[in-house]
Amino acid sequence: MNHLWWYLARSSGLVAWALLMASLLIGVVASAWVVRRPRARRYILDLHPWLSGLAIGAVALHVAAIVADSYVQISTTQALVPFASPWRTTAVAWGTISLWLMVVVQVTSLARRQLSRTAWHRIHVLSYLLGILATV
């Protein structure tokens, strides 16, 4: 039963990455107006934040499973503060920075009506950096 957290941590990380990439690609398709039919475009615009929300849930599960796993022994603080983890410091830091970028993009998306379009767009472009960091 000790391997459960290890498998859950790894699989939830892969699922989170796949959901993030799917959301990123669908966001690119929606912003490029590749889909011209209004009904299909509406479907894509609804799917994009839904996938992003699922990705955040998968990341939360990933972090919780890593903290619960006894093999590596990463604390909550080490998982949430970049460069604080003694285990694979750079890789964990990239993941932590990706987590915080994801939170910033998601929160500003939820507060989109309170932001100017320019401010929202500049923050939302960080999604590309997020995709790169999460992949590396």
Protein backbone atom coordinates (compact mmCIF):
# COMPACT_ATOMS: atom_id res chain seq x y z
CA MET A 1 0.00 0.00 0.00
CA ASN A 2 3.04 2.32 0.36
CA HIS A 3 3.35 2.48 -3.42
CA LEU A 4 -0.14 4.00 -3.76
CA TRP A 5 1.10 7.56 -3.09
CA TRP A 6 4.05 7.10 -5.45
CA TYR A 7 1.79 5.93 -8.30
CA LEU A 8 -0.82 8.58 -7.53
CA ALA A 9 1.81 11.34 -7.51
CA ARG A 10 3.29 10.30 -10.84
CA SER A 11 0.01 9.58 -12.61
CA SER A 12 -1.70 12.77 -11.39
CA GLY A 13 1.31 14.76 -12.59
CA LEU A 14 1.03 13.24 -16.05
CA VAL A 15 -2.72 13.80 -16.14
CA ALA A 16 -2.24 17.41 -15.01
CA TRP A 17 0.31 17.97 -17.78
CA ALA A 18 -1.99 16.45 -20.42
CA LEU A 19 -4.94 18.57 -19.26
CA LEU A 20 -2.77 21.69 -19.21
CA MET A 21 -1.53 21.05 -22.76
CA ALA A 22 -5.06 20.32 -23.98
CA SER A 23 -6.31 23.56 -22.43
CA LEU A 24 -3.39 25.49 -23.89
CA LEU A 25 -3.96 24.10 -27.39
CA ILE A 26 -7.70 24.69 -27.23
CA GLY A 27 -7.02 28.24 -26.04
CA VAL A 28 -4.76 28.80 -29.05
CA VAL A 29 -7.42 27.42 -31.39
CA ALA A 30 -10.10 29.63 -29.81
CA SER A 31 -7.96 32.78 -29.90
CA ALA A 32 -6.88 32.19 -33.50
CA TRP A 33 -10.50 31.99 -34.67
CA VAL A 34 -9.73 28.72 -36.44
CA VAL A 35 -13.28 27.62 -35.71
CA ARG A 36 -15.65 30.00 -37.46
CA ARG A 37 -19.03 28.44 -36.65
CA PRO A 38 -20.46 30.24 -33.58
CA ARG A 39 -21.82 27.07 -31.96
CA ALA A 40 -18.53 25.18 -32.30
CA ARG A 41 -16.58 28.23 -31.10
CA ARG A 42 -18.84 28.50 -28.03
CA TYR A 43 -18.18 24.84 -27.27
CA ILE A 44 -14.41 25.40 -27.48
CA LEU A 45 -14.62 28.52 -25.32
CA ASP A 46 -16.53 26.53 -22.70
CA LEU A 47 -14.13 23.58 -22.86
CA HIS A 48 -11.00 25.72 -22.33
CA PRO A 49 -11.67 26.86 -18.71
CA TRP A 50 -13.18 23.49 -17.83
CA LEU A 51 -9.94 21.72 -18.81
CA SER A 52 -7.93 24.35 -16.92
CA GLY A 53 -9.99 23.71 -13.79
CA LEU A 54 -9.45 19.97 -14.12
CA ALA A 55 -5.71 20.59 -14.56
CA ILE A 56 -5.61 22.58 -11.32
CA GLY A 57 -7.41 19.75 -9.54
CA ALA A 58 -4.91 17.24 -10.92
CA VAL A 59 -2.01 19.46 -9.82
CA ALA A 60 -3.51 19.71 -6.32
CA LEU A 61 -3.77 15.92 -6.20
CA HIS A 62 -0.17 15.67 -7.51
CA VAL A 63 1.18 17.95 -4.77
CA ALA A 64 -0.87 16.25 -2.04
CA ALA A 65 0.32 12.80 -3.15
CA ILE A 66 3.95 13.95 -3.26
CA VAL A 67 3.69 15.33 0.27
CA ALA A 68 1.98 12.12 1.46
CA ASP A 69 4.53 9.86 -0.24
CA SER A 70 7.21 8.65 2.17
CA TYR A 71 9.77 7.76 -0.51
CA VAL A 72 11.01 11.30 -1.19
CA GLN A 73 9.75 13.14 1.91
CA ILE A 74 8.92 16.58 0.56
CA SER A 75 7.06 18.86 2.96
CA THR A 76 4.20 21.12 1.97
CA THR A 77 6.49 24.15 2.23
CA GLN A 78 9.12 22.50 0.04
CA ALA A 79 6.44 21.64 -2.51
CA LEU A 80 5.06 25.20 -2.62
CA VAL A 81 8.25 27.29 -2.41
CA PRO A 82 10.58 27.26 -5.43
CA PHE A 83 14.10 25.89 -4.74
CA ALA A 84 13.16 24.80 -1.20
CA SER A 85 13.14 21.08 -1.94
CA PRO A 86 16.39 19.20 -1.36
CA TRP A 87 15.29 16.46 -3.80
CA ARG A 88 15.83 17.36 -7.48
CA THR A 89 15.77 21.03 -6.56
CA THR A 90 15.60 22.48 -10.08
CA ALA A 91 12.92 20.10 -11.37
CA VAL A 92 10.72 20.62 -8.30
CA ALA A 93 11.28 24.40 -8.58
CA TRP A 94 10.10 24.39 -12.20
CA GLY A 95 7.01 22.48 -11.13
CA THR A 96 6.40 24.89 -8.26
CA ILE A 97 6.80 27.93 -10.51
CA SER A 98 4.44 26.26 -12.99
CA LEU A 99 1.92 25.77 -10.19
CA TRP A 100 2.03 29.44 -9.23
CA LEU A 101 1.81 30.58 -12.86
CA MET A 102 -1.22 28.33 -13.26
CA VAL A 103 -2.85 29.87 -10.18
CA VAL A 104 -2.15 33.42 -11.42
CA VAL A 105 -3.58 32.71 -14.87
CA GLN A 106 -6.65 30.98 -13.43
CA VAL A 107 -7.39 33.64 -10.80
CA THR A 108 -7.04 36.47 -13.29
CA SER A 109 -9.27 34.58 -15.70
CA LEU A 110 -11.93 34.34 -13.02
CA ALA A 111 -11.48 38.10 -12.37
CA ARG A 112 -11.41 38.96 -16.06
CA ARG A 113 -14.33 41.40 -15.82
CA GLN A 114 -12.43 43.46 -13.23
CA LEU A 115 -9.30 43.71 -15.40
CA SER A 116 -8.68 45.60 -18.59
CA ARG A 117 -8.48 43.43 -21.68
CA THR A 118 -4.82 44.37 -22.12
CA ALA A 119 -3.89 43.45 -18.53
CA TRP A 120 -5.79 40.18 -18.72
CA HIS A 121 -4.18 39.28 -22.05
CA ARG A 122 -0.64 40.06 -20.83
CA ILE A 123 -1.14 37.82 -17.82
CA HIS A 124 -2.84 35.11 -19.87
CA VAL A 125 0.14 34.96 -22.27
CA LEU A 126 2.08 33.53 -19.31
CA SER A 127 0.28 30.28 -20.20
CA TYR A 128 2.90 29.67 -22.88
CA LEU A 129 5.69 29.95 -20.31
CA LEU A 130 3.65 27.70 -18.02
CA GLY A 131 3.37 25.08 -20.75
CA ILE A 132 7.13 25.19 -21.39
CA LEU A 133 8.07 24.97 -17.71
CA ALA A 134 5.60 22.16 -17.03
CA THR A 135 6.99 20.22 -19.99
CA VAL A 136 10.63 20.69 -19.02
